[in-house]
Amino acid sequence: MARITVEDCLAEVGNRFLIVQMAIKRVKQYREGYSPLVESKNKEIVTALREIAACKVLPEDYHTPSGKKPGTE
């Protein structure tokens, strides 16, 4: 079971609504082919929250893609 909560992310971002928007954007990026920035065997949404809690995805990055898109080595 995943042990990540919004409170873990709030310490880094400070706004619940922005956390949700950031997580949704990351899930969409995964589905477009971007690679996760943290190791995780959980569902996409949990992986996105783990990235936010680990400061791998920051509010400043919200408007730009993160991770590598396939075919861009």
Protein backbone atom coordinates (compact mmCIF):
# COMPACT_ATOMS: atom_id res chain seq x y z
CA MET A 1 0.00 0.00 0.00
CA ALA A 2 1.27 3.45 -0.86
CA ARG A 3 2.12 5.62 2.14
CA ILE A 4 2.05 9.03 0.51
CA THR A 5 -0.36 11.75 1.57
CA VAL A 6 -1.22 15.23 0.48
CA GLU A 7 0.33 16.45 3.74
CA ASP A 8 3.72 15.14 2.54
CA CYS A 9 3.33 17.29 -0.56
CA LEU A 10 1.95 20.32 1.31
CA ALA A 11 5.29 20.75 3.06
CA GLU A 12 6.85 21.39 -0.36
CA VAL A 13 4.09 23.12 -2.33
CA GLY A 14 1.79 24.71 0.25
CA ASN A 15 -1.41 24.68 -1.82
CA ARG A 16 -3.67 21.61 -2.06
CA PHE A 17 -5.22 22.72 -5.32
CA LEU A 18 -1.85 23.25 -6.98
CA ILE A 19 -0.75 19.78 -5.79
CA VAL A 20 -3.77 18.24 -7.52
CA GLN A 21 -3.11 20.18 -10.73
CA MET A 22 0.58 19.22 -10.70
CA ALA A 23 -0.22 15.53 -10.10
CA ILE A 24 -2.79 15.46 -12.90
CA LYS A 25 -0.32 17.08 -15.29
CA ARG A 26 2.36 14.49 -14.42
CA VAL A 27 -0.07 11.60 -14.98
CA LYS A 28 -0.92 13.03 -18.40
CA GLN A 29 2.81 13.34 -19.14
CA TYR A 30 3.37 9.68 -18.19
CA ARG A 31 0.63 8.70 -20.61
CA GLU A 32 2.32 10.77 -23.34
CA GLY A 33 5.51 8.81 -22.74
CA TYR A 34 7.48 10.87 -20.20
CA SER A 35 9.45 8.81 -17.72
CA PRO A 36 8.89 9.02 -13.94
CA LEU A 37 11.52 10.91 -11.93
CA VAL A 38 11.34 8.52 -8.95
CA GLU A 39 11.28 4.74 -8.63
CA SER A 40 7.77 3.53 -7.91
CA LYS A 41 5.75 0.38 -8.42
CA ASN A 42 2.53 2.20 -7.59
CA LYS A 43 -0.15 3.68 -9.79
CA GLU A 44 0.61 6.77 -11.84
CA ILE A 45 -1.10 9.20 -9.45
CA VAL A 46 0.87 7.90 -6.46
CA THR A 47 4.10 8.15 -8.45
CA ALA A 48 3.25 11.77 -9.30
CA LEU A 49 2.62 12.55 -5.61
CA ARG A 50 5.92 10.88 -4.69
CA GLU A 51 7.70 13.14 -7.19
CA ILE A 52 6.08 16.23 -5.68
CA ALA A 53 6.90 15.18 -2.10
CA ALA A 54 10.53 14.48 -3.13
CA CYS A 55 10.82 17.95 -4.76
CA LYS A 56 11.46 16.35 -8.16
CA VAL A 57 8.54 18.35 -9.57
CA LEU A 58 8.23 21.93 -8.35
CA PRO A 59 5.46 24.51 -8.80
CA GLU A 60 7.84 26.43 -11.08
CA ASP A 61 7.98 23.34 -13.33
CA TYR A 62 4.20 23.21 -13.59
CA HIS A 63 4.22 24.91 -17.00
CA THR A 64 7.12 22.92 -18.50
CA PRO A 65 7.49 19.18 -19.13
CA SER A 66 9.59 17.11 -16.75
CA GLY A 67 11.33 13.82 -17.40
CA LYS A 68 12.44 12.42 -20.71
CA LYS A 69 10.05 11.88 -23.55
CA PRO A 70 10.64 8.68 -25.54
CA GLY A 71 13.01 9.08 -28.44
CA THR A 72 14.93 11.99 -26.87
CA GLU A 73 18.09 10.29 -25.66
